[in-house]
PDB file of all heavy atoms in Angstrom:
ATOM      1  N   GLU A   1      -4.481   4.592  11.258  1.00  0.00           N
ATOM      2  CA  GLU A   1      -3.810   3.844  12.320  1.00  0.00           C
ATOM      3  C   GLU A   1      -2.640   3.016  11.791  1.00  0.00           C
ATOM      4  O   GLU A   1      -2.068   2.211  12.519  1.00  0.00           O
ATOM      5  CB  GLU A   1      -4.838   2.971  13.048  1.00  0.00           C
ATOM      6  CG  GLU A   1      -5.875   3.807  13.776  1.00  0.00           C
ATOM      7  CD  GLU A   1      -6.999   2.991  14.390  1.00  0.00           C
ATOM      8  OE1 GLU A   1      -6.924   1.744  14.432  1.00  0.00           O
ATOM      9  OE2 GLU A   1      -7.977   3.623  14.841  1.00  0.00           O
ATOM     10  N   GLY A   2      -2.321   3.199  10.507  1.00  0.00           N
ATOM     11  CA  GLY A   2      -1.190   2.506   9.918  1.00  0.00           C
ATOM     12  C   GLY A   2      -1.466   1.056   9.560  1.00  0.00           C
ATOM     13  O   GLY A   2      -0.535   0.276   9.341  1.00  0.00           O
ATOM     14  N   LYS A   3      -2.718   0.697   9.481  1.00  0.00           N
ATOM     15  CA  LYS A   3      -3.075  -0.681   9.154  1.00  0.00           C
ATOM     16  C   LYS A   3      -3.275  -0.824   7.645  1.00  0.00           C
ATOM     17  O   LYS A   3      -3.432   0.152   6.925  1.00  0.00           O
ATOM     18  CB  LYS A   3      -4.340  -1.078   9.909  1.00  0.00           C
ATOM     19  CG  LYS A   3      -4.125  -1.064  11.411  1.00  0.00           C
ATOM     20  CD  LYS A   3      -5.338  -1.475  12.181  1.00  0.00           C
ATOM     21  CE  LYS A   3      -4.969  -1.491  13.663  1.00  0.00           C
ATOM     22  NZ  LYS A   3      -6.094  -1.282  14.516  1.00  0.00           N
ATOM     23  N   ASN A   4      -3.268  -2.043   7.194  1.00  0.00           N
ATOM     24  CA  ASN A   4      -3.587  -2.361   5.806  1.00  0.00           C
ATOM     25  C   ASN A   4      -5.098  -2.530   5.718  1.00  0.00           C
ATOM     26  O   ASN A   4      -5.705  -3.161   6.593  1.00  0.00           O
ATOM     27  CB  ASN A   4      -2.888  -3.656   5.382  1.00  0.00           C
ATOM     28  CG  ASN A   4      -1.389  -3.509   5.406  1.00  0.00           C
ATOM     29  OD1 ASN A   4      -0.822  -2.744   4.638  1.00  0.00           O
ATOM     30  ND2 ASN A   4      -0.732  -4.224   6.304  1.00  0.00           N
ATOM     31  N   VAL A   5      -5.688  -1.971   4.671  1.00  0.00           N
ATOM     32  CA  VAL A   5      -7.147  -2.019   4.554  1.00  0.00           C
ATOM     33  C   VAL A   5      -7.581  -2.314   3.126  1.00  0.00           C
ATOM     34  O   VAL A   5      -6.830  -2.105   2.172  1.00  0.00           O
ATOM     35  CB  VAL A   5      -7.810  -0.688   5.003  1.00  0.00           C
ATOM     36  CG1 VAL A   5      -7.450  -0.340   6.434  1.00  0.00           C
ATOM     37  CG2 VAL A   5      -7.450   0.457   4.060  1.00  0.00           C
ATOM     38  N   SER A   6      -8.794  -2.802   3.002  1.00  0.00           N
ATOM     39  CA  SER A   6      -9.446  -2.866   1.693  1.00  0.00           C
ATOM     40  C   SER A   6     -10.914  -2.546   1.907  1.00  0.00           C
ATOM     41  O   SER A   6     -11.473  -2.791   2.972  1.00  0.00           O
ATOM     42  CB  SER A   6      -9.267  -4.236   1.033  1.00  0.00           C
ATOM     43  OG  SER A   6     -10.026  -5.218   1.697  1.00  0.00           O
ATOM     44  N   TRP A   7     -11.507  -1.963   0.864  1.00  0.00           N
ATOM     45  CA  TRP A   7     -12.923  -1.600   0.861  1.00  0.00           C
ATOM     46  C   TRP A   7     -13.460  -1.997  -0.499  1.00  0.00           C
ATOM     47  O   TRP A   7     -12.949  -1.530  -1.528  1.00  0.00           O
ATOM     48  CB  TRP A   7     -13.089  -0.097   1.107  1.00  0.00           C
ATOM     49  CG  TRP A   7     -14.477   0.407   0.926  1.00  0.00           C
ATOM     50  CD1 TRP A   7     -15.538   0.212   1.763  1.00  0.00           C
ATOM     51  CD2 TRP A   7     -14.981   1.218  -0.154  1.00  0.00           C
ATOM     52  NE1 TRP A   7     -16.654   0.844   1.266  1.00  0.00           N
ATOM     53  CE2 TRP A   7     -16.340   1.465   0.089  1.00  0.00           C
ATOM     54  CE3 TRP A   7     -14.405   1.763  -1.305  1.00  0.00           C
ATOM     55  CZ2 TRP A   7     -17.122   2.231  -0.760  1.00  0.00           C
ATOM     56  CZ3 TRP A   7     -15.189   2.511  -2.156  1.00  0.00           C
ATOM     57  CH2 TRP A   7     -16.538   2.741  -1.874  1.00  0.00           C
ATOM     58  N   LEU A   8     -14.455  -2.881  -0.503  1.00  0.00           N
ATOM     59  CA  LEU A   8     -14.999  -3.375  -1.762  1.00  0.00           C
ATOM     60  C   LEU A   8     -16.515  -3.150  -1.764  1.00  0.00           C
ATOM     61  O   LEU A   8     -17.250  -3.857  -1.084  1.00  0.00           O
ATOM     62  CB  LEU A   8     -14.687  -4.867  -1.933  1.00  0.00           C
ATOM     63  CG  LEU A   8     -15.174  -5.526  -3.214  1.00  0.00           C
ATOM     64  CD1 LEU A   8     -14.468  -4.931  -4.432  1.00  0.00           C
ATOM     65  CD2 LEU A   8     -14.951  -7.028  -3.146  1.00  0.00           C
ATOM     66  N   PRO A   9     -16.982  -2.134  -2.513  1.00  0.00           N
ATOM     67  CA  PRO A   9     -18.421  -1.849  -2.562  1.00  0.00           C
ATOM     68  C   PRO A   9     -19.142  -2.745  -3.567  1.00  0.00           C
ATOM     69  O   PRO A   9     -18.551  -3.218  -4.540  1.00  0.00           O
ATOM     70  CB  PRO A   9     -18.460  -0.391  -3.015  1.00  0.00           C
ATOM     71  CG  PRO A   9     -17.251  -0.252  -3.885  1.00  0.00           C
ATOM     72  CD  PRO A   9     -16.203  -1.150  -3.269  1.00  0.00           C
ATOM     73  N   SER A  10     -20.430  -2.951  -3.307  1.00  0.00           N
ATOM     74  CA  SER A  10     -21.296  -3.670  -4.235  1.00  0.00           C
ATOM     75  C   SER A  10     -22.678  -3.049  -4.129  1.00  0.00           C
ATOM     76  O   SER A  10     -23.214  -2.902  -3.029  1.00  0.00           O
ATOM     77  CB  SER A  10     -21.356  -5.153  -3.850  1.00  0.00           C
ATOM     78  OG  SER A  10     -22.290  -5.833  -4.666  1.00  0.00           O
ATOM     79  N   TYR A  11     -23.243  -2.678  -5.276  1.00  0.00           N
ATOM     80  CA  TYR A  11     -24.556  -2.048  -5.236  1.00  0.00           C
ATOM     81  C   TYR A  11     -25.265  -2.257  -6.559  1.00  0.00           C
ATOM     82  O   TYR A  11     -24.652  -2.484  -7.596  1.00  0.00           O
ATOM     83  CB  TYR A  11     -24.459  -0.550  -4.921  1.00  0.00           C
ATOM     84  CG  TYR A  11     -23.394   0.171  -5.702  1.00  0.00           C
ATOM     85  CD1 TYR A  11     -23.661   0.735  -6.948  1.00  0.00           C
ATOM     86  CD2 TYR A  11     -22.098   0.277  -5.213  1.00  0.00           C
ATOM     87  CE1 TYR A  11     -22.676   1.388  -7.663  1.00  0.00           C
ATOM     88  CE2 TYR A  11     -21.113   0.930  -5.924  1.00  0.00           C
ATOM     89  CZ  TYR A  11     -21.412   1.482  -7.147  1.00  0.00           C
ATOM     90  OH  TYR A  11     -20.433   2.116  -7.858  1.00  0.00           O
ATOM     91  N   GLY A  12     -26.602  -2.178  -6.488  1.00  0.00           N
ATOM     92  CA  GLY A  12     -27.426  -2.329  -7.683  1.00  0.00           C
ATOM     93  C   GLY A  12     -27.391  -1.055  -8.511  1.00  0.00           C
ATOM     94  O   GLY A  12     -26.809  -0.047  -8.108  1.00  0.00           O
ATOM     95  N   PRO A  13     -28.046  -1.062  -9.666  1.00  0.00           N
ATOM     96  CA  PRO A  13     -28.022   0.098 -10.560  1.00  0.00           C
ATOM     97  C   PRO A  13     -28.884   1.261 -10.078  1.00  0.00           C
ATOM     98  O   PRO A  13     -28.756   2.366 -10.572  1.00  0.00           O
ATOM     99  CB  PRO A  13     -28.550  -0.458 -11.882  1.00  0.00           C
ATOM    100  CG  PRO A  13     -29.420  -1.604 -11.482  1.00  0.00           C
ATOM    101  CD  PRO A  13     -28.775  -2.182 -10.247  1.00  0.00           C
ATOM    102  N   GLU A  14     -29.736   1.025  -9.091  1.00  0.00           N
ATOM    103  CA  GLU A  14     -30.618   2.084  -8.604  1.00  0.00           C
ATOM    104  C   GLU A  14     -29.816   3.115  -7.814  1.00  0.00           C
ATOM    105  O   GLU A  14     -28.842   2.780  -7.161  1.00  0.00           O
ATOM    106  CB  GLU A  14     -31.706   1.519  -7.680  1.00  0.00           C
ATOM    107  CG  GLU A  14     -32.501   0.392  -8.279  1.00  0.00           C
ATOM    108  CD  GLU A  14     -31.877  -0.993  -8.033  1.00  0.00           C
ATOM    109  OE1 GLU A  14     -30.756  -1.070  -7.499  1.00  0.00           O
ATOM    110  OE2 GLU A  14     -32.521  -1.980  -8.408  1.00  0.00           O
ATOM    111  N   MET A  15     -30.247   4.366  -7.878  1.00  0.00           N
ATOM    112  CA  MET A  15     -29.583   5.420  -7.102  1.00  0.00           C
ATOM    113  C   MET A  15     -29.951   5.335  -5.630  1.00  0.00           C
ATOM    114  O   MET A  15     -29.129   5.488  -4.757  1.00  0.00           O
ATOM    115  CB  MET A  15     -29.941   6.807  -7.637  1.00  0.00           C
ATOM    116  CG  MET A  15     -29.293   7.122  -8.970  1.00  0.00           C
ATOM    117  SD  MET A  15     -27.512   7.196  -8.863  1.00  0.00           S
ATOM    118  CE  MET A  15     -27.290   8.724  -8.007  1.00  0.00           C
ATOM    119  N   ARG A  16     -31.214   5.121  -5.332  1.00  0.00           N
ATOM    120  CA  ARG A  16     -31.703   5.014  -3.957  1.00  0.00           C
ATOM    121  C   ARG A  16     -32.642   3.822  -3.881  1.00  0.00           C
ATOM    122  O   ARG A  16     -33.390   3.542  -4.811  1.00  0.00           O
ATOM    123  CB  ARG A  16     -32.476   6.268  -3.535  1.00  0.00           C
ATOM    124  CG  ARG A  16     -31.640   7.526  -3.484  1.00  0.00           C
ATOM    125  CD  ARG A  16     -31.082   7.717  -2.086  1.00  0.00           C
ATOM    126  NE  ARG A  16     -30.368   8.974  -1.975  1.00  0.00           N
ATOM    127  CZ  ARG A  16     -29.050   9.052  -1.943  1.00  0.00           C
ATOM    128  NH1 ARG A  16     -28.319   7.989  -2.038  1.00  0.00           N
ATOM    129  NH2 ARG A  16     -28.468  10.213  -1.822  1.00  0.00           N
ATOM    130  N   GLY A  17     -32.625   3.122  -2.765  1.00  0.00           N
ATOM    131  CA  GLY A  17     -33.575   2.048  -2.545  1.00  0.00           C
ATOM    132  C   GLY A  17     -33.123   0.686  -3.026  1.00  0.00           C
ATOM    133  O   GLY A  17     -33.704  -0.318  -2.649  1.00  0.00           O
ATOM    134  N   GLY A  18     -32.079   0.613  -3.859  1.00  0.00           N
ATOM    135  CA  GLY A  18     -31.556  -0.679  -4.285  1.00  0.00           C
ATOM    136  C   GLY A  18     -30.673  -1.266  -3.196  1.00  0.00           C
ATOM    137  O   GLY A  18     -30.442  -0.655  -2.161  1.00  0.00           O
ATOM    138  N   THR A  19     -30.188  -2.462  -3.426  1.00  0.00           N
ATOM    139  CA  THR A  19     -29.332  -3.083  -2.425  1.00  0.00           C
ATOM    140  C   THR A  19     -27.924  -2.491  -2.491  1.00  0.00           C
ATOM    141  O   THR A  19     -27.461  -2.091  -3.546  1.00  0.00           O
ATOM    142  CB  THR A  19     -29.246  -4.608  -2.640  1.00  0.00           C
ATOM    143  OG1 THR A  19     -28.724  -4.850  -3.942  1.00  0.00           O
ATOM    144  CG2 THR A  19     -30.600  -5.257  -2.481  1.00  0.00           C
ATOM    145  N   ALA A  20     -27.287  -2.447  -1.360  1.00  0.00           N
ATOM    146  CA  ALA A  20     -25.910  -1.955  -1.274  1.00  0.00           C
ATOM    147  C   ALA A  20     -25.216  -2.684  -0.132  1.00  0.00           C
ATOM    148  O   ALA A  20     -25.815  -2.927   0.913  1.00  0.00           O
ATOM    149  CB  ALA A  20     -25.883  -0.455  -1.025  1.00  0.00           C
ATOM    150  N   ASN A  21     -23.970  -3.039  -0.357  1.00  0.00           N
ATOM    151  CA  ASN A  21     -23.171  -3.602   0.724  1.00  0.00           C
ATOM    152  C   ASN A  21     -21.711  -3.371   0.409  1.00  0.00           C
ATOM    153  O   ASN A  21     -21.350  -3.032  -0.723  1.00  0.00           O
ATOM    154  CB  ASN A  21     -23.482  -5.091   0.946  1.00  0.00           C
ATOM    155  CG  ASN A  21     -23.034  -5.974  -0.186  1.00  0.00           C
ATOM    156  OD1 ASN A  21     -21.857  -6.285  -0.305  1.00  0.00           O
ATOM    157  ND2 ASN A  21     -23.970  -6.385  -1.035  1.00  0.00           N
ATOM    158  N   CYS A  22     -20.891  -3.537   1.399  1.00  0.00           N
ATOM    159  CA  CYS A  22     -19.454  -3.432   1.174  1.00  0.00           C
ATOM    160  C   CYS A  22     -18.721  -4.360   2.117  1.00  0.00           C
ATOM    161  O   CYS A  22     -19.211  -4.696   3.197  1.00  0.00           O
ATOM    162  CB  CYS A  22     -18.964  -1.991   1.309  1.00  0.00           C
ATOM    163  SG  CYS A  22     -19.145  -1.268   2.932  1.00  0.00           S
ATOM    164  N   ASN A  23     -17.565  -4.792   1.659  1.00  0.00           N
ATOM    165  CA  ASN A  23     -16.657  -5.621   2.434  1.00  0.00           C
ATOM    166  C   ASN A  23     -15.484  -4.747   2.845  1.00  0.00           C
ATOM    167  O   ASN A  23     -14.912  -4.038   2.003  1.00  0.00           O
ATOM    168  CB  ASN A  23     -16.117  -6.764   1.585  1.00  0.00           C
ATOM    169  CG  ASN A  23     -17.157  -7.806   1.204  1.00  0.00           C
ATOM    170  OD1 ASN A  23     -16.834  -8.963   1.073  1.00  0.00           O
ATOM    171  ND2 ASN A  23     -18.391  -7.431   1.013  1.00  0.00           N
ATOM    172  N   VAL A  24     -15.126  -4.815   4.107  1.00  0.00           N
ATOM    173  CA  VAL A  24     -13.994  -4.053   4.634  1.00  0.00           C
ATOM    174  C   VAL A  24     -13.069  -5.018   5.365  1.00  0.00           C
ATOM    175  O   VAL A  24     -13.530  -5.836   6.164  1.00  0.00           O
ATOM    176  CB  VAL A  24     -14.454  -2.946   5.611  1.00  0.00           C
ATOM    177  CG1 VAL A  24     -13.260  -2.183   6.167  1.00  0.00           C
ATOM    178  CG2 VAL A  24     -15.441  -2.006   4.955  1.00  0.00           C
ATOM    179  N   VAL A  25     -11.794  -4.905   5.078  1.00  0.00           N
ATOM    180  CA  VAL A  25     -10.793  -5.688   5.795  1.00  0.00           C
ATOM    181  C   VAL A  25      -9.808  -4.697   6.395  1.00  0.00           C
ATOM    182  O   VAL A  25      -9.286  -3.822   5.701  1.00  0.00           O
ATOM    183  CB  VAL A  25     -10.054  -6.675   4.861  1.00  0.00           C
ATOM    184  CG1 VAL A  25      -9.004  -7.462   5.646  1.00  0.00           C
ATOM    185  CG2 VAL A  25     -11.034  -7.614   4.169  1.00  0.00           C
ATOM    186  N   ILE A  26      -9.586  -4.833   7.702  1.00  0.00           N
ATOM    187  CA  ILE A  26      -8.617  -4.003   8.421  1.00  0.00           C
ATOM    188  C   ILE A  26      -7.640  -4.972   9.081  1.00  0.00           C
ATOM    189  O   ILE A  26      -8.065  -5.823   9.871  1.00  0.00           O
ATOM    190  CB  ILE A  26      -9.306  -3.103   9.469  1.00  0.00           C
ATOM    191  CG1 ILE A  26     -10.330  -2.188   8.783  1.00  0.00           C
ATOM    192  CG2 ILE A  26      -8.279  -2.292  10.243  1.00  0.00           C
ATOM    193  CD1 ILE A  26     -11.216  -1.418   9.743  1.00  0.00           C
ATOM    194  N   SER A  27      -6.353  -4.831   8.739  1.00  0.00           N
ATOM    195  CA  SER A  27      -5.398  -5.838   9.174  1.00  0.00           C
ATOM    196  C   SER A  27      -4.030  -5.239   9.488  1.00  0.00           C
ATOM    197  O   SER A  27      -3.620  -4.254   8.887  1.00  0.00           O
ATOM    198  CB  SER A  27      -5.255  -6.885   8.058  1.00  0.00           C
ATOM    199  OG  SER A  27      -4.289  -7.840   8.398  1.00  0.00           O
ATOM    200  N   ASP A  28      -3.327  -5.894  10.417  1.00  0.00           N
ATOM    201  CA  ASP A  28      -1.931  -5.536  10.688  1.00  0.00           C
ATOM    202  C   ASP A  28      -1.015  -6.103   9.610  1.00  0.00           C
ATOM    203  O   ASP A  28       0.113  -5.660   9.460  1.00  0.00           O
ATOM    204  CB  ASP A  28      -1.503  -6.076  12.055  1.00  0.00           C
ATOM    205  CG  ASP A  28      -2.204  -5.364  13.202  1.00  0.00           C
ATOM    206  OD1 ASP A  28      -2.544  -4.178  13.042  1.00  0.00           O
ATOM    207  OD2 ASP A  28      -2.436  -6.003  14.244  1.00  0.00           O
ATOM    208  N   GLU A  29      -1.503  -7.092   8.878  1.00  0.00           N
ATOM    209  CA  GLU A  29      -0.726  -7.730   7.818  1.00  0.00           C
ATOM    210  C   GLU A  29      -1.303  -7.328   6.462  1.00  0.00           C
ATOM    211  O   GLU A  29      -2.359  -6.712   6.386  1.00  0.00           O
ATOM    212  CB  GLU A  29      -0.788  -9.245   7.991  1.00  0.00           C
ATOM    213  CG  GLU A  29      -0.224  -9.710   9.322  1.00  0.00           C
ATOM    214  CD  GLU A  29      -0.499 -11.182   9.590  1.00  0.00           C
ATOM    215  OE1 GLU A  29      -0.817 -11.918   8.639  1.00  0.00           O
ATOM    216  OE2 GLU A  29      -0.400 -11.574  10.762  1.00  0.00           O
ATOM    217  N   GLU A  30      -0.612  -7.702   5.394  1.00  0.00           N
ATOM    218  CA  GLU A  30      -1.126  -7.402   4.060  1.00  0.00           C
ATOM    219  C   GLU A  30      -2.478  -8.073   3.851  1.00  0.00           C
ATOM    220  O   GLU A  30      -2.712  -9.173   4.350  1.00  0.00           O
ATOM    221  CB  GLU A  30      -0.139  -7.887   2.991  1.00  0.00           C
ATOM    222  CG  GLU A  30       1.088  -7.034   2.883  1.00  0.00           C
ATOM    223  CD  GLU A  30       1.977  -7.442   1.719  1.00  0.00           C
ATOM    224  OE1 GLU A  30       1.505  -8.123   0.795  1.00  0.00           O
ATOM    225  OE2 GLU A  30       3.155  -7.061   1.761  1.00  0.00           O
ATOM    226  N   VAL A  31      -3.342  -7.399   3.107  1.00  0.00           N
ATOM    227  CA  VAL A  31      -4.661  -7.932   2.803  1.00  0.00           C
ATOM    228  C   VAL A  31      -4.545  -8.703   1.495  1.00  0.00           C
ATOM    229  O   VAL A  31      -4.258  -8.128   0.446  1.00  0.00           O
ATOM    230  CB  VAL A  31      -5.710  -6.797   2.676  1.00  0.00           C
ATOM    231  CG1 VAL A  31      -7.063  -7.362   2.272  1.00  0.00           C
ATOM    232  CG2 VAL A  31      -5.810  -6.019   3.985  1.00  0.00           C
ATOM    233  N   GLY A  32      -4.763 -10.014   1.561  1.00  0.00           N
ATOM    234  CA  GLY A  32      -4.616 -10.847   0.386  1.00  0.00           C
ATOM    235  C   GLY A  32      -5.824 -10.820  -0.528  1.00  0.00           C
ATOM    236  O   GLY A  32      -5.707 -10.937  -1.740  1.00  0.00           O
ATOM    237  N   CYS A  33      -7.013 -10.635   0.043  1.00  0.00           N
ATOM    238  CA  CYS A  33      -8.236 -10.663  -0.750  1.00  0.00           C
ATOM    239  C   CYS A  33      -9.246  -9.700  -0.142  1.00  0.00           C
ATOM    240  O   CYS A  33      -9.486  -9.738   1.070  1.00  0.00           O
ATOM    241  CB  CYS A  33      -8.801 -12.076  -0.783  1.00  0.00           C
ATOM    242  SG  CYS A  33     -10.331 -12.234  -1.723  1.00  0.00           S
ATOM    243  N   PRO A  34      -9.855  -8.853  -0.950  1.00  0.00           N
ATOM    244  CA  PRO A  34     -10.819  -7.891  -0.412  1.00  0.00           C
ATOM    245  C   PRO A  34     -12.216  -8.478  -0.177  1.00  0.00           C
ATOM    246  O   PRO A  34     -13.063  -7.829   0.418  1.00  0.00           O
ATOM    247  CB  PRO A  34     -10.879  -6.817  -1.499  1.00  0.00           C
ATOM    248  CG  PRO A  34     -10.603  -7.574  -2.759  1.00  0.00           C
ATOM    249  CD  PRO A  34      -9.605  -8.633  -2.372  1.00  0.00           C
ATOM    250  N   ILE A  35     -12.433  -9.707  -0.610  1.00  0.00           N
ATOM    251  CA  ILE A  35     -13.754 -10.323  -0.456  1.00  0.00           C
ATOM    252  C   ILE A  35     -13.860 -10.963   0.913  1.00  0.00           C
ATOM    253  O   ILE A  35     -12.986 -11.729   1.337  1.00  0.00           O
ATOM    254  CB  ILE A  35     -13.999 -11.369  -1.562  1.00  0.00           C
ATOM    255  CG1 ILE A  35     -13.966 -10.681  -2.924  1.00  0.00           C
ATOM    256  CG2 ILE A  35     -15.318 -12.098  -1.346  1.00  0.00           C
ATOM    257  CD1 ILE A  35     -13.935 -11.631  -4.098  1.00  0.00           C
ATOM    258  N   VAL A  36     -14.946 -10.661   1.622  1.00  0.00           N
ATOM    259  CA  VAL A  36     -15.180 -11.202   2.952  1.00  0.00           C
ATOM    260  C   VAL A  36     -16.228 -12.310   2.850  1.00  0.00           C
ATOM    261  O   VAL A  36     -17.385 -12.055   2.533  1.00  0.00           O
ATOM    262  CB  VAL A  36     -15.657 -10.103   3.930  1.00  0.00           C
ATOM    263  CG1 VAL A  36     -15.985 -10.693   5.290  1.00  0.00           C
ATOM    264  CG2 VAL A  36     -14.610  -9.005   4.055  1.00  0.00           C
ATOM    265  N   ALA A  37     -15.803 -13.537   3.075  1.00  0.00           N
ATOM    266  CA  ALA A  37     -16.718 -14.674   3.053  1.00  0.00           C
ATOM    267  C   ALA A  37     -17.286 -14.939   4.443  1.00  0.00           C
ATOM    268  O   ALA A  37     -18.481 -15.189   4.598  1.00  0.00           O
ATOM    269  CB  ALA A  37     -16.016 -15.918   2.519  1.00  0.00           C
ATOM    270  N   GLU A  38     -16.425 -14.886   5.449  1.00  0.00           N
ATOM    271  CA  GLU A  38     -16.835 -15.038   6.843  1.00  0.00           C
ATOM    272  C   GLU A  38     -16.370 -13.803   7.592  1.00  0.00           C
ATOM    273  O   GLU A  38     -15.169 -13.554   7.715  1.00  0.00           O
ATOM    274  CB  GLU A  38     -16.202 -16.283   7.471  1.00  0.00           C
ATOM    275  CG  GLU A  38     -16.854 -17.575   7.085  1.00  0.00           C
ATOM    276  CD  GLU A  38     -16.367 -18.701   7.987  1.00  0.00           C
ATOM    277  OE1 GLU A  38     -15.134 -18.898   8.078  1.00  0.00           O
ATOM    278  OE2 GLU A  38     -17.216 -19.359   8.595  1.00  0.00           O
ATOM    279  N   ALA A  39     -17.337 -13.040   8.082  1.00  0.00           N
ATOM    280  CA  ALA A  39     -17.022 -11.756   8.703  1.00  0.00           C
ATOM    281  C   ALA A  39     -16.918 -11.863  10.219  1.00  0.00           C
ATOM    282  O   ALA A  39     -17.648 -12.627  10.844  1.00  0.00           O
ATOM    283  CB  ALA A  39     -18.096 -10.737   8.340  1.00  0.00           C
ATOM    284  N   ASP A  40     -16.026 -11.062  10.764  1.00  0.00           N
ATOM    285  CA  ASP A  40     -15.957 -10.916  12.217  1.00  0.00           C
ATOM    286  C   ASP A  40     -17.142 -10.092  12.702  1.00  0.00           C
ATOM    287  O   ASP A  40     -17.663 -10.323  13.793  1.00  0.00           O
ATOM    288  CB  ASP A  40     -14.652 -10.220  12.621  1.00  0.00           C
ATOM    289  CG  ASP A  40     -13.439 -11.038  12.224  1.00  0.00           C
ATOM    290  OD1 ASP A  40     -13.224 -12.099  12.843  1.00  0.00           O
ATOM    291  OD2 ASP A  40     -12.729 -10.624  11.292  1.00  0.00           O
ATOM    292  N   SER A  41     -17.553  -9.118  11.885  1.00  0.00           N
ATOM    293  CA  SER A  41     -18.673  -8.238  12.216  1.00  0.00           C
ATOM    294  C   SER A  41     -19.512  -7.979  10.973  1.00  0.00           C
ATOM    295  O   SER A  41     -18.963  -7.754   9.894  1.00  0.00           O
ATOM    296  CB  SER A  41     -18.180  -6.889  12.756  1.00  0.00           C
ATOM    297  OG  SER A  41     -17.417  -7.055  13.928  1.00  0.00           O
ATOM    298  N   VAL A  42     -20.832  -7.985  11.148  1.00  0.00           N
ATOM    299  CA  VAL A  42     -21.761  -7.652  10.073  1.00  0.00           C
ATOM    300  C   VAL A  42     -22.761  -6.631  10.609  1.00  0.00           C
ATOM    301  O   VAL A  42     -23.333  -6.821  11.684  1.00  0.00           O
ATOM    302  CB  VAL A  42     -22.509  -8.895   9.540  1.00  0.00           C
ATOM    303  CG1 VAL A  42     -23.613  -8.501   8.569  1.00  0.00           C
ATOM    304  CG2 VAL A  42     -21.545  -9.858   8.872  1.00  0.00           C
ATOM    305  N   ILE A  43     -22.934  -5.544   9.851  1.00  0.00           N
ATOM    306  CA  ILE A  43     -23.975  -4.554  10.145  1.00  0.00           C
ATOM    307  C   ILE A  43     -25.063  -4.736   9.098  1.00  0.00           C
ATOM    308  O   ILE A  43     -24.782  -4.666   7.902  1.00  0.00           O
ATOM    309  CB  ILE A  43     -23.439  -3.114  10.070  1.00  0.00           C
ATOM    310  CG1 ILE A  43     -22.388  -2.860  11.150  1.00  0.00           C
ATOM    311  CG2 ILE A  43     -24.587  -2.103  10.182  1.00  0.00           C
ATOM    312  CD1 ILE A  43     -21.712  -1.496  11.048  1.00  0.00           C
TER     313      ILE A  43
END
């Protein structure tokens, strides 16, 4: 869609069953930091 994005994965050393999460930023402006401290949406 022509937006600026970042995707920052984080996961434990386990292949399956360990914790996993990622931060995603989708913006009309430049993304200054890929870390999401306060999210608009959390799944």
